[in-house]
Amino acid sequence: MSTSTDRSLSEVRFLTVAEVASLMRVSKMTVYRLVHHGELPAVRVGRSFRVPEQAVHDYLRDSYVETA
């Protein structure tokens, strides 16, 4: 039987570290650092990480700084 959690997880779009790096215009090492320091949530799949796309957008939104 399917639950609402199953349905919501099936709607999550996961990005690779390389895709996150490209989207954020940073190196893959920077993305790994953010993941390892807990600043960017990720799921470990085997030996690689997958980052929820919404988490990337949330991180960028929360990190936005207005300049004078």
Protein backbone atom coordinates (compact mmCIF):
# COMPACT_ATOMS: atom_id res chain seq x y z
CA MET A 1 0.00 0.00 0.00
CA SER A 2 1.35 3.44 -0.95
CA THR A 3 1.51 6.23 1.59
CA SER A 4 1.63 9.97 1.14
CA THR A 5 5.34 9.85 2.07
CA ASP A 6 5.98 7.43 -0.80
CA ARG A 7 4.18 9.72 -3.20
CA SER A 8 6.05 12.82 -2.03
CA LEU A 9 9.41 11.01 -2.32
CA SER A 10 8.59 9.92 -5.85
CA GLU A 11 8.10 13.58 -6.77
CA VAL A 12 11.55 14.62 -5.49
CA ARG A 13 14.07 15.34 -8.24
CA PHE A 14 17.61 14.40 -7.25
CA LEU A 15 20.71 15.99 -8.78
CA THR A 16 24.24 14.63 -9.00
CA VAL A 17 27.12 16.54 -7.44
CA ALA A 18 28.25 17.56 -10.94
CA GLU A 19 24.77 18.91 -11.75
CA VAL A 20 24.66 20.88 -8.49
CA ALA A 21 28.13 22.29 -9.17
CA SER A 22 27.08 23.36 -12.65
CA LEU A 23 23.83 24.92 -11.39
CA MET A 24 25.65 26.83 -8.64
CA ARG A 25 28.68 27.59 -10.85
CA VAL A 26 31.13 26.19 -8.28
CA SER A 27 33.49 23.23 -8.27
CA LYS A 28 32.40 19.71 -7.35
CA MET A 29 34.75 19.94 -4.35
CA THR A 30 32.74 22.91 -3.06
CA VAL A 31 29.53 20.86 -3.31
CA TYR A 32 31.16 17.93 -1.48
CA ARG A 33 32.32 20.33 1.24
CA LEU A 34 28.79 21.72 1.66
CA VAL A 35 27.39 18.17 1.89
CA HIS A 36 30.01 16.97 4.39
CA HIS A 37 29.55 20.04 6.60
CA GLY A 38 25.78 19.50 6.64
CA GLU A 39 25.01 22.78 4.86
CA LEU A 40 23.45 20.99 1.88
CA PRO A 41 21.37 17.86 2.54
CA ALA A 42 22.13 14.82 0.42
CA VAL A 43 21.37 11.13 0.13
CA ARG A 44 24.21 8.66 -0.23
CA VAL A 45 23.63 6.15 -3.04
CA GLY A 46 26.43 3.63 -3.09
CA ARG A 47 29.61 5.69 -3.27
CA SER A 48 27.97 8.83 -4.63
CA PHE A 49 25.67 11.54 -3.35
CA ARG A 50 22.37 12.82 -4.69
CA VAL A 51 21.06 16.21 -3.66
CA PRO A 52 17.35 17.09 -3.73
CA GLU A 53 16.85 19.87 -6.26
CA GLN A 54 14.67 21.84 -3.83
CA ALA A 55 17.51 21.75 -1.26
CA VAL A 56 19.79 23.51 -3.75
CA HIS A 57 17.19 26.21 -4.39
CA ASP A 58 16.60 26.61 -0.63
CA TYR A 59 20.34 26.88 0.04
CA LEU A 60 20.78 29.55 -2.64
CA ARG A 61 17.72 31.48 -1.45
CA ASP A 62 18.89 31.41 2.18
CA SER A 63 22.45 32.39 1.22
CA TYR A 64 21.43 35.39 -0.87
CA VAL A 65 23.06 38.59 0.37
CA GLU A 66 21.96 42.10 -0.59
CA THR A 67 24.79 44.54 -1.20
CA ALA A 68 24.67 48.28 -0.80
